[in-house]
Amino acid sequence: MLDSKLMKLLQTLNQKELQQLYDYVRSPIYNKNQLIIQLYEVIIQAYPNDTDSLEKTNVQQQLFPNKKNAAAHLRKVMSQLSEKVFDFFIFLKIREEKAYQKHLLHQFLIQRGLNKLFENSFTSIKQQQQNTLDNIKFYHYKYLLESDLYYFMLKNGNRNLHTNLQEVVNKLDLYYIINKLRYSCSMLNTQGIIASDYHFFLLDELLAQLPTMPMENTPIIQFYYTILLMLKEEDGKIHFEQLKILLQQRGEKIDRKELYFIYTFATNYCISKFKDGKAPYLRELFELYKQMLEKGLLFEGQYLPVHWFKNMVIVASRLGDFEWAKSFIEQYKKKLPAVQRKSTVYFNYGIIAFYEEDYTTTLTYLHKVDFVDFYDHLNCEMLLLKTHYQLQNFDILKSKIDALRMFIKRNKAISPNNQLAYRNFINLFKRLIKCKEEQNKGVYFTTIQKKLEKAIPKLQNSIQETEPLIDKKWLLQEVEALLESHQYK
């Protein structure tokens, strides 16, 4: 039973939601089947502390003692309870959507002929919308509100339908344009990461019309139009600068969740440009990260996710802003999830020490890290490999490389593309180690030096041509160091 669909659904709920579900299934308005209630009571009395009692045979005995085909009866009630859980999920989501609740209320009021109540509600919501921050849902609700008024006028035989009908179409156009721009931005952004063959239907026609459209009252269109040009045009720098100005001047007009998406497009653009060799974009990325931090956009509830914490430290360290990175760790470490806090702090101090080229201290911090999940494990192992390389601990490296190869091979949670990227790194890294070892010997042997004159440039070409590849920039940097040390350029 623990592996059943029902239990997988229930495992997504916290204690408060489990209690709310109990109230839900006991309410006669939602459920009149007593067996559903009894099954749920059996579950919540045992879950999560006494899961052994939730074996199917135990539950069957409690619900259907001495009854033939008890297993079939239990399967039926479990299926029925699963459907109630789905209904409960819908109930929770609708309760979150206050504006959509009003739309459903309007439909009901109009159907029942409660015209005065509809008019009062419509007027009240219109006034409230004047103070709402921009997001896509806002324009969806504006369209629904106008469609409610159109339905109301149609139901009551109003002859001036054309006036509201134009507003309905205008709001629908706005909602479509914003969605079209946002999804097109996502498609272009994805194309910059993976090979994707998207068809941009009517996008050029829309872009031709947008400059004639007044955008002062719809800042969200301004943002996504600018982002689209930034991603679409060969040199998007002008539009990136315009986006930064918009964020400064009109960012406060945008809803928090929507602003997060906008900043994500901007940061991804900087990452892409930096990977293309345009170093100043790392500083641009850092400034955007700091803005997101100051605006609270990086937090999930009261916590700062580990990946954002790490990104901030890595970017600051690569820029040499070590004091800022250390201050950031001390200021925000209490915002990390408790279970990951200590190891995350050690790992990030290890990152700082690595970029400070204090490799012994790096190892000291990394050896204190306890792995919470396989991503933590991978990140730590990769940094350990690079640290041991800098310390020229080649014997240790060989055993660590083998261990990492087996970890990647056995871990099914790593996507096939990422597995290949890590395998490619390992293969090229082993060649790099071999070149480094040979270079150390080659100080005394001319034949080895001549051999390396061919081997190192060949390795450099292999790194440049290999895709996918984790840490390509670091590998190239280390090959450059080998080339410079022997003046092979």
Protein backbone atom coordinates (compact mmCIF):
# COMPACT_ATOMS: atom_id res chain seq x y z
CA MET A 1 0.00 0.00 0.00
CA LEU A 2 2.90 2.34 0.70
CA ASP A 3 3.82 2.23 -3.01
CA SER A 4 0.26 2.93 -4.15
CA LYS A 5 -0.86 6.00 -6.06
CA LEU A 6 -2.93 7.04 -3.03
CA MET A 7 0.04 7.09 -0.67
CA LYS A 8 2.19 8.96 -3.20
CA LEU A 9 -0.51 11.63 -3.32
CA LEU A 10 -0.75 11.87 0.47
CA GLN A 11 3.03 12.09 0.86
CA THR A 12 2.94 15.46 -0.93
CA LEU A 13 0.81 16.98 1.85
CA ASN A 14 2.07 18.56 5.06
CA GLN A 15 0.44 17.97 8.45
CA LYS A 16 -1.87 20.96 8.13
CA GLU A 17 -3.05 19.84 4.70
CA LEU A 18 -3.56 16.25 5.90
CA GLN A 19 -5.87 17.59 8.61
CA GLN A 20 -7.68 19.79 6.08
CA LEU A 21 -8.17 16.72 3.86
CA TYR A 22 -9.67 14.89 6.85
CA ASP A 23 -12.16 17.73 7.31
CA TYR A 24 -12.82 17.65 3.56
CA VAL A 25 -13.66 13.93 3.30
CA ARG A 26 -15.84 14.12 6.43
CA SER A 27 -17.90 16.96 4.98
CA PRO A 28 -21.19 15.60 3.55
CA ILE A 29 -21.02 18.25 0.83
CA TYR A 30 -17.93 16.56 -0.62
CA ASN A 31 -18.27 12.93 0.47
CA LYS A 32 -21.00 10.64 1.80
CA ASN A 33 -19.08 7.36 1.52
CA GLN A 34 -18.25 6.18 5.07
CA LEU A 35 -15.69 3.64 3.83
CA ILE A 36 -13.60 6.49 2.38
CA ILE A 37 -13.61 8.19 5.77
CA GLN A 38 -12.70 4.97 7.57
CA LEU A 39 -9.80 4.25 5.20
CA TYR A 40 -8.44 7.77 5.62
CA GLU A 41 -8.70 7.50 9.41
CA VAL A 42 -6.68 4.27 9.31
CA ILE A 43 -4.03 6.02 7.22
CA ILE A 44 -3.65 9.21 9.27
CA GLN A 45 -3.50 7.26 12.54
CA ALA A 46 -0.47 5.36 11.22
CA TYR A 47 1.22 7.79 8.82
CA PRO A 48 4.07 8.70 8.96
CA ASN A 49 5.24 7.06 12.23
CA ASP A 50 3.75 3.56 11.98
CA THR A 51 3.87 2.69 8.30
CA ASP A 52 4.19 -1.05 9.02
CA SER A 53 0.51 -1.13 9.99
CA LEU A 54 -0.35 0.19 6.51
CA GLU A 55 0.47 -3.11 4.83
CA LYS A 56 -2.51 -4.06 2.68
CA THR A 57 -3.34 -7.18 4.68
CA ASN A 58 -3.53 -5.13 7.90
CA VAL A 59 -5.76 -2.49 6.35
CA GLN A 60 -8.00 -5.13 4.75
CA GLN A 61 -8.48 -6.75 8.14
CA GLN A 62 -9.49 -3.45 9.73
CA LEU A 63 -11.92 -2.38 7.02
CA PHE A 64 -13.26 -5.70 5.74
CA PRO A 65 -12.88 -8.36 8.47
CA ASN A 66 -14.02 -11.82 7.36
CA LYS A 67 -15.23 -10.46 4.03
CA LYS A 68 -14.58 -12.28 0.76
CA ASN A 69 -12.58 -10.44 -1.90
CA ALA A 70 -11.32 -7.98 0.72
CA ALA A 71 -8.38 -7.07 -1.51
CA ALA A 72 -10.71 -6.03 -4.36
CA HIS A 73 -12.88 -4.00 -1.97
CA LEU A 74 -9.80 -2.23 -0.61
CA ARG A 75 -8.56 -1.40 -4.12
CA LYS A 76 -11.94 0.14 -4.92
CA VAL A 77 -12.02 2.31 -1.79
CA MET A 78 -8.39 3.36 -2.31
CA SER A 79 -9.30 4.46 -5.84
CA GLN A 80 -12.30 6.38 -4.53
CA LEU A 81 -10.20 8.10 -1.87
CA SER A 82 -7.61 8.98 -4.53
CA GLU A 83 -10.34 10.74 -6.50
CA LYS A 84 -11.30 12.69 -3.38
CA VAL A 85 -7.66 13.70 -2.94
CA PHE A 86 -7.63 15.01 -6.53
CA ASP A 87 -10.82 16.96 -5.76
CA PHE A 88 -9.12 18.33 -2.64
CA PHE A 89 -6.14 19.50 -4.73
CA ILE A 90 -8.57 21.37 -7.00
CA PHE A 91 -10.27 22.85 -3.92
CA LEU A 92 -6.91 24.12 -2.61
CA LYS A 93 -5.93 25.69 -5.95
CA ILE A 94 -9.28 27.42 -6.46
CA ARG A 95 -9.07 28.80 -2.93
CA GLU A 96 -5.74 30.43 -3.89
CA GLU A 97 -7.23 32.07 -7.00
CA LYS A 98 -9.28 34.88 -5.46
CA ALA A 99 -9.80 36.71 -8.75
CA TYR A 100 -10.93 33.54 -10.54
CA GLN A 101 -13.37 32.89 -7.68
CA LYS A 102 -14.93 36.27 -8.48
CA HIS A 103 -15.29 35.27 -12.13
CA LEU A 104 -17.11 32.08 -11.11
CA LEU A 105 -19.27 34.09 -8.72
CA HIS A 106 -20.17 36.51 -11.51
CA GLN A 107 -21.24 33.63 -13.75
CA PHE A 108 -23.51 32.35 -10.99
CA LEU A 109 -25.00 35.78 -10.20
CA ILE A 110 -25.76 36.44 -13.88
CA GLN A 111 -27.33 33.00 -14.36
CA ARG A 112 -29.59 33.57 -11.32
CA GLY A 113 -30.56 37.08 -12.38
CA LEU A 114 -28.95 38.75 -9.36
CA ASN A 115 -28.10 41.83 -11.42
CA LYS A 116 -27.58 44.36 -8.65
CA LEU A 117 -25.17 42.08 -6.80
CA PHE A 118 -23.22 41.51 -10.02
CA GLU A 119 -23.00 45.25 -10.75
CA ASN A 120 -21.74 45.96 -7.23
CA SER A 121 -19.11 43.21 -7.44
CA PHE A 122 -18.00 44.28 -10.93
CA THR A 123 -17.55 47.92 -9.88
CA SER A 124 -15.64 46.94 -6.74
CA ILE A 125 -13.20 44.68 -8.63
CA LYS A 126 -12.64 47.34 -11.33
CA GLN A 127 -11.52 49.75 -8.63
CA GLN A 128 -9.25 47.15 -6.99
CA GLN A 129 -7.53 46.38 -10.30
CA GLN A 130 -6.18 49.93 -10.52
CA ASN A 131 -3.71 49.13 -7.71
CA THR A 132 -2.65 45.66 -8.93
CA LEU A 133 0.94 44.97 -9.97
CA ASP A 134 1.58 43.70 -13.49
CA ASN A 135 1.65 39.96 -14.15
CA ILE A 136 0.16 37.64 -16.75
CA LYS A 137 -2.64 36.47 -14.46
CA PHE A 138 -3.70 40.08 -13.99
CA TYR A 139 -4.39 40.45 -17.73
CA HIS A 140 -6.18 37.12 -17.81
CA TYR A 141 -8.50 38.31 -15.03
CA LYS A 142 -9.06 41.66 -16.77
CA TYR A 143 -10.19 39.74 -19.84
CA LEU A 144 -12.47 37.48 -17.73
CA LEU A 145 -13.98 40.54 -16.02
CA GLU A 146 -14.83 42.17 -19.35
CA SER A 147 -16.23 38.87 -20.64
CA ASP A 148 -18.40 38.69 -17.50
CA LEU A 149 -19.78 42.14 -18.31
CA TYR A 150 -20.37 41.10 -21.93
CA TYR A 151 -22.28 38.01 -20.74
CA PHE A 152 -24.27 40.18 -18.35
CA MET A 153 -25.25 42.63 -21.12
CA LEU A 154 -26.08 39.79 -23.50
CA LYS A 155 -28.24 38.05 -20.89
CA ASN A 156 -30.14 41.26 -20.18
CA GLY A 157 -30.77 42.22 -23.82
CA ASN A 158 -28.53 45.30 -23.87
CA ARG A 159 -28.36 46.76 -27.39
CA ASN A 160 -25.04 48.55 -26.91
CA LEU A 161 -23.01 45.36 -27.07
CA HIS A 162 -20.42 46.79 -29.42
CA THR A 163 -18.99 49.08 -26.69
CA ASN A 164 -18.08 46.28 -24.29
CA LEU A 165 -17.31 43.83 -27.06
CA GLN A 166 -14.39 46.00 -28.17
CA GLU A 167 -13.08 45.99 -24.59
CA VAL A 168 -13.38 42.20 -24.43
CA VAL A 169 -11.32 41.85 -27.63
CA ASN A 170 -8.78 44.45 -26.46
CA LYS A 171 -8.22 42.61 -23.17
CA LEU A 172 -8.00 39.29 -25.00
CA ASP A 173 -5.40 40.76 -27.38
CA LEU A 174 -3.33 42.05 -24.46
CA TYR A 175 -3.46 38.67 -22.72
CA TYR A 176 -2.45 36.90 -25.94
CA ILE A 177 0.37 39.34 -26.78
CA ILE A 178 1.93 39.07 -23.32
CA ASN A 179 1.80 35.27 -23.41
CA LYS A 180 3.11 35.17 -26.96
CA LEU A 181 6.06 37.38 -26.06
CA ARG A 182 6.85 35.50 -22.85
CA TYR A 183 6.71 32.04 -24.42
CA SER A 184 8.73 33.26 -27.41
CA CYS A 185 11.38 34.54 -24.99
CA SER A 186 11.43 31.11 -23.34
CA MET A 187 11.81 29.40 -26.73
CA LEU A 188 14.70 31.65 -27.74
CA ASN A 189 16.32 31.20 -24.34
CA THR A 190 16.03 27.41 -24.64
CA GLN A 191 17.53 27.49 -28.12
CA GLY A 192 20.58 29.13 -26.60
CA ILE A 193 21.01 26.18 -24.23
CA ILE A 194 19.98 23.10 -26.22
CA ALA A 195 19.39 22.46 -29.90
CA SER A 196 15.66 23.06 -30.42
CA ASP A 197 13.82 23.60 -33.67
CA TYR A 198 10.90 25.87 -32.73
CA HIS A 199 8.40 27.44 -35.12
CA PHE A 200 7.63 31.06 -34.19
CA PHE A 201 4.18 31.41 -35.77
CA LEU A 202 3.20 35.07 -36.45
CA LEU A 203 6.02 36.38 -34.25
CA ASP A 204 7.53 38.62 -36.94
CA GLU A 205 4.10 40.04 -37.70
CA LEU A 206 3.55 40.78 -34.02
CA LEU A 207 6.97 42.43 -33.67
CA ALA A 208 6.18 44.63 -36.67
CA GLN A 209 3.02 45.89 -34.94
CA LEU A 210 4.30 46.36 -31.40
CA PRO A 211 6.27 49.62 -31.99
CA THR A 212 2.95 51.28 -32.96
CA MET A 213 1.31 50.13 -29.75
CA PRO A 214 1.40 52.42 -26.67
CA MET A 215 3.18 50.48 -23.90
CA GLU A 216 3.25 53.07 -21.12
CA ASN A 217 0.28 51.47 -19.36
CA THR A 218 1.49 47.89 -19.90
CA PRO A 219 5.06 47.68 -18.53
CA ILE A 220 5.01 43.89 -18.75
CA ILE A 221 4.82 44.16 -22.57
CA GLN A 222 7.73 46.60 -22.52
CA PHE A 223 9.79 44.11 -20.56
CA TYR A 224 9.10 41.05 -22.69
CA TYR A 225 9.37 42.98 -25.96
CA THR A 226 12.83 44.22 -24.88
CA ILE A 227 13.89 40.74 -23.74
CA LEU A 228 12.73 39.23 -27.02
CA LEU A 229 14.82 41.70 -29.05
CA MET A 230 17.77 41.08 -26.73
CA LEU A 231 17.60 37.33 -27.39
CA LYS A 232 16.61 37.51 -31.06
CA GLU A 233 19.05 40.00 -32.51
CA GLU A 234 22.68 39.17 -33.24
CA ASP A 235 23.98 41.90 -30.95
CA GLY A 236 21.49 42.25 -28.13
CA LYS A 237 23.68 44.54 -26.01
CA ILE A 238 21.59 47.65 -26.73
CA HIS A 239 18.44 45.85 -25.62
CA PHE A 240 20.21 44.42 -22.56
CA GLU A 241 21.12 47.96 -21.50
CA GLN A 242 17.51 49.02 -22.11
CA LEU A 243 16.31 46.10 -19.97
CA LYS A 244 18.54 47.26 -17.09
CA ILE A 245 17.01 50.75 -17.35
CA LEU A 246 13.49 49.28 -17.37
CA LEU A 247 14.28 47.22 -14.27
CA GLN A 248 15.46 50.33 -12.50
CA GLN A 249 12.59 52.58 -13.60
CA ARG A 250 9.59 50.25 -13.89
CA GLY A 251 10.52 47.13 -11.93
CA GLU A 252 8.32 48.20 -9.02
CA LYS A 253 5.28 48.00 -11.31
CA ILE A 254 5.79 44.26 -11.84
CA ASP A 255 4.51 41.47 -9.60
CA ARG A 256 7.25 39.67 -7.62
CA LYS A 257 6.91 36.29 -9.39
CA GLU A 258 6.86 37.94 -12.81
CA LEU A 259 9.88 40.06 -11.90
CA TYR A 260 11.76 36.86 -11.00
CA PHE A 261 11.15 35.49 -14.53
CA ILE A 262 12.32 38.76 -16.08
CA TYR A 263 15.54 38.76 -14.03
CA THR A 264 16.09 35.10 -14.96
CA PHE A 265 16.05 35.98 -18.66
CA ALA A 266 18.57 38.76 -17.98
CA THR A 267 20.89 36.52 -15.93
CA ASN A 268 20.72 33.70 -18.48
CA TYR A 269 21.70 36.21 -21.17
CA CYS A 270 24.75 37.24 -19.12
CA ILE A 271 25.74 33.62 -18.52
CA SER A 272 25.47 32.88 -22.25
CA LYS A 273 27.62 35.88 -23.17
CA PHE A 274 30.20 35.06 -20.52
CA LYS A 275 30.44 31.50 -21.85
CA ASP A 276 31.05 33.01 -25.29
CA GLY A 277 34.16 34.67 -23.89
CA LYS A 278 32.78 38.14 -23.06
CA ALA A 279 34.26 38.55 -19.58
CA PRO A 280 32.49 41.84 -18.58
CA TYR A 281 29.17 40.00 -18.45
CA LEU A 282 30.29 38.18 -15.30
CA ARG A 283 30.21 41.53 -13.47
CA GLU A 284 26.81 42.26 -15.04
CA LEU A 285 25.59 38.89 -13.77
CA PHE A 286 26.87 39.66 -10.28
CA GLU A 287 25.06 43.00 -10.18
CA LEU A 288 21.81 41.35 -11.29
CA TYR A 289 22.19 38.66 -8.63
CA LYS A 290 22.68 41.35 -5.97
CA GLN A 291 19.54 43.17 -7.15
CA MET A 292 17.56 39.93 -6.96
CA LEU A 293 18.89 39.34 -3.45
CA GLU A 294 18.00 42.86 -2.30
CA LYS A 295 14.47 42.57 -3.72
CA GLY A 296 13.95 39.20 -2.01
CA LEU A 297 13.44 37.42 -5.34
CA LEU A 298 15.82 34.55 -4.54
CA PHE A 299 13.99 33.37 -1.44
CA GLU A 300 11.53 30.48 -1.34
CA GLY A 301 9.42 31.32 1.68
CA GLN A 302 11.85 32.14 4.49
CA TYR A 303 14.72 30.13 2.98
CA LEU A 304 17.44 30.94 0.47
CA PRO A 305 17.84 27.87 -1.81
CA VAL A 306 21.27 26.25 -1.75
CA HIS A 307 21.87 26.65 -5.50
CA TRP A 308 21.32 30.43 -5.34
CA PHE A 309 23.58 30.66 -2.29
CA LYS A 310 26.31 28.80 -4.16
CA ASN A 311 25.85 30.86 -7.36
CA MET A 312 26.34 34.11 -5.43
CA VAL A 313 29.57 32.86 -3.83
CA ILE A 314 30.99 31.42 -7.07
CA VAL A 315 30.39 34.59 -9.10
CA ALA A 316 31.77 36.85 -6.35
CA SER A 317 34.84 34.61 -6.00
CA ARG A 318 35.51 34.48 -9.73
CA LEU A 319 35.46 38.28 -9.71
CA GLY A 320 37.86 38.35 -6.77
CA ASP A 321 35.30 39.89 -4.40
CA PHE A 322 36.30 37.52 -1.61
CA GLU A 323 35.40 39.79 1.29
CA TRP A 324 31.91 40.31 -0.15
CA ALA A 325 31.52 36.52 -0.54
CA LYS A 326 32.58 35.87 3.07
CA SER A 327 30.30 38.62 4.37
CA PHE A 328 27.43 37.17 2.31
CA ILE A 329 27.93 33.70 3.82
CA GLU A 330 27.89 35.06 7.38
CA GLN A 331 24.88 37.30 6.74
CA TYR A 332 22.69 34.74 4.97
CA LYS A 333 23.78 31.33 6.31
CA LYS A 334 20.85 31.28 8.76
CA LYS A 335 18.52 31.57 5.77
CA LEU A 336 19.68 28.19 4.43
CA PRO A 337 17.52 25.09 5.07
CA ALA A 338 18.65 23.70 8.44
CA VAL A 339 19.44 20.21 7.14
CA GLN A 340 21.86 21.59 4.52
CA ARG A 341 23.18 24.62 6.39
CA LYS A 342 26.45 23.41 7.88
CA SER A 343 27.65 21.52 4.80
CA THR A 344 26.64 24.36 2.47
CA VAL A 345 28.66 26.86 4.50
CA TYR A 346 31.73 24.58 4.49
CA PHE A 347 31.39 23.96 0.76
CA ASN A 348 31.11 27.66 -0.08
CA TYR A 349 34.07 28.60 2.09
CA GLY A 350 35.89 25.89 0.15
CA ILE A 351 34.90 27.64 -3.10
CA ILE A 352 36.31 30.94 -1.85
CA ALA A 353 39.57 29.28 -0.77
CA PHE A 354 39.86 27.59 -4.18
CA TYR A 355 39.61 30.89 -6.06
CA GLU A 356 42.01 32.46 -3.56
CA GLU A 357 44.38 29.62 -4.64
CA ASP A 358 44.60 28.43 -1.03
CA TYR A 359 44.15 24.79 -2.00
CA THR A 360 45.09 23.25 1.34
CA THR A 361 42.35 25.26 3.03
CA THR A 362 39.97 24.23 0.26
CA LEU A 363 40.54 20.56 1.11
CA THR A 364 40.05 21.28 4.82
CA TYR A 365 36.59 22.73 4.16
CA LEU A 366 35.52 20.14 1.58
CA HIS A 367 36.40 17.22 3.86
CA LYS A 368 33.82 18.59 6.35
CA VAL A 369 30.97 18.46 3.82
CA ASP A 370 28.27 15.84 4.35
CA PHE A 371 26.36 15.04 1.19
CA VAL A 372 22.61 15.71 1.36
CA ASP A 373 21.84 14.73 -2.23
CA PHE A 374 23.71 13.63 -5.33
CA TYR A 375 24.01 17.20 -6.67
CA ASP A 376 25.93 18.18 -3.52
CA HIS A 377 28.06 15.08 -3.99
CA LEU A 378 28.84 15.91 -7.62
CA ASN A 379 29.64 19.55 -6.92
CA CYS A 380 31.95 18.65 -4.05
CA GLU A 381 33.71 15.85 -5.96
CA MET A 382 34.31 18.11 -8.96
CA LEU A 383 35.87 20.79 -6.77
CA LEU A 384 37.98 18.15 -5.00
CA LEU A 385 39.30 16.92 -8.37
CA LYS A 386 40.33 20.41 -9.41
CA THR A 387 41.91 21.10 -6.02
CA HIS A 388 43.97 17.90 -6.02
CA TYR A 389 45.07 18.74 -9.56
CA GLN A 390 46.37 22.13 -8.43
CA LEU A 391 48.23 20.41 -5.55
CA GLN A 392 49.49 17.79 -8.03
CA ASN A 393 48.17 14.93 -5.89
CA PHE A 394 48.04 12.69 -8.95
CA ASP A 395 47.84 9.35 -7.10
CA ILE A 396 44.81 10.54 -5.13
CA LEU A 397 43.27 11.91 -8.32
CA LYS A 398 43.33 8.58 -10.12
CA SER A 399 41.31 6.81 -7.41
CA LYS A 400 38.90 9.75 -7.11
CA ILE A 401 38.30 9.79 -10.86
CA ASP A 402 37.41 6.08 -10.82
CA ALA A 403 35.04 6.60 -7.88
CA LEU A 404 33.35 9.53 -9.64
CA ARG A 405 32.96 7.54 -12.85
CA MET A 406 31.17 4.74 -10.96
CA PHE A 407 28.97 7.23 -9.05
CA ILE A 408 27.81 8.83 -12.31
CA LYS A 409 27.23 5.46 -13.96
CA ARG A 410 25.11 4.12 -11.08
CA ASN A 411 23.07 7.26 -10.38
CA LYS A 412 19.95 7.07 -12.56
CA ALA A 413 18.81 10.53 -11.42
CA ILE A 414 21.48 12.11 -13.65
CA SER A 415 20.09 12.68 -17.15
CA PRO A 416 21.79 10.86 -20.08
CA ASN A 417 23.02 14.19 -21.48
CA ASN A 418 24.59 15.19 -18.15
CA GLN A 419 26.11 11.73 -17.72
CA LEU A 420 27.79 12.16 -21.09
CA ALA A 421 29.01 15.66 -20.13
CA TYR A 422 30.62 14.28 -16.96
CA ARG A 423 32.14 11.28 -18.78
CA ASN A 424 33.63 13.64 -21.36
CA PHE A 425 35.10 15.76 -18.56
CA ILE A 426 36.65 12.70 -16.90
CA ASN A 427 38.24 11.49 -20.14
CA LEU A 428 39.70 14.89 -20.98
CA PHE A 429 40.75 15.51 -17.38
CA LYS A 430 42.75 12.25 -17.39
CA ARG A 431 44.56 13.46 -20.52
CA LEU A 432 45.23 16.79 -18.80
CA ILE A 433 46.73 15.00 -15.79
CA LYS A 434 48.92 12.91 -18.06
CA CYS A 435 50.21 16.03 -19.82
CA LYS A 436 50.89 17.70 -16.49
CA GLU A 437 52.82 14.66 -15.21
CA GLU A 438 54.79 14.43 -18.44
CA GLN A 439 55.53 18.13 -18.30
CA ASN A 440 57.00 17.71 -14.81
CA LYS A 441 59.28 14.98 -16.14
CA GLY A 442 60.02 16.88 -19.35
CA VAL A 443 62.12 19.45 -17.56
CA TYR A 444 64.92 16.90 -17.79
CA PHE A 445 64.10 15.10 -21.07
CA THR A 446 63.99 16.77 -24.50
CA THR A 447 62.05 13.82 -26.02
CA ILE A 448 59.18 14.35 -23.58
CA GLN A 449 59.13 18.08 -24.35
CA LYS A 450 58.78 17.34 -28.06
CA LYS A 451 56.02 14.85 -27.37
CA LEU A 452 54.11 17.44 -25.33
CA GLU A 453 54.43 20.02 -28.13
CA LYS A 454 51.94 17.87 -30.03
CA ALA A 455 49.92 16.42 -27.13
CA ILE A 456 48.91 19.68 -25.41
CA PRO A 457 47.55 21.51 -28.51
CA LYS A 458 45.77 18.28 -29.48
CA LEU A 459 44.13 18.17 -26.04
CA GLN A 460 43.15 21.82 -26.38
CA ASN A 461 41.41 21.11 -29.69
CA SER A 462 39.61 18.10 -28.19
CA ILE A 463 38.29 20.23 -25.32
CA GLN A 464 37.10 22.96 -27.69
CA GLU A 465 35.30 20.46 -29.94
CA THR A 466 33.73 18.22 -27.28
CA GLU A 467 30.04 18.68 -26.42
CA PRO A 468 28.43 18.29 -23.96
CA LEU A 469 31.19 19.03 -21.48
CA ILE A 470 31.14 20.06 -17.82
CA ASP A 471 33.65 22.75 -16.77
CA LYS A 472 34.96 23.32 -20.30
CA LYS A 473 36.25 26.79 -19.41
CA TRP A 474 38.33 25.45 -16.50
CA LEU A 475 39.84 22.68 -18.65
CA LEU A 476 40.80 25.21 -21.34
CA GLN A 477 42.26 27.51 -18.70
CA GLU A 478 44.50 24.71 -17.38
CA VAL A 479 45.62 23.73 -20.89
CA GLU A 480 46.45 27.40 -21.53
CA ALA A 481 48.59 27.31 -18.38
CA LEU A 482 50.46 24.27 -19.71
CA LEU A 483 51.02 25.97 -23.06
CA GLU A 484 52.26 29.19 -21.49
CA SER A 485 54.63 27.42 -19.11
CA HIS A 486 56.47 25.85 -22.09
CA GLN A 487 55.76 28.62 -24.59
CA TYR A 488 54.09 26.27 -27.07
CA LYS A 489 51.77 28.91 -28.54
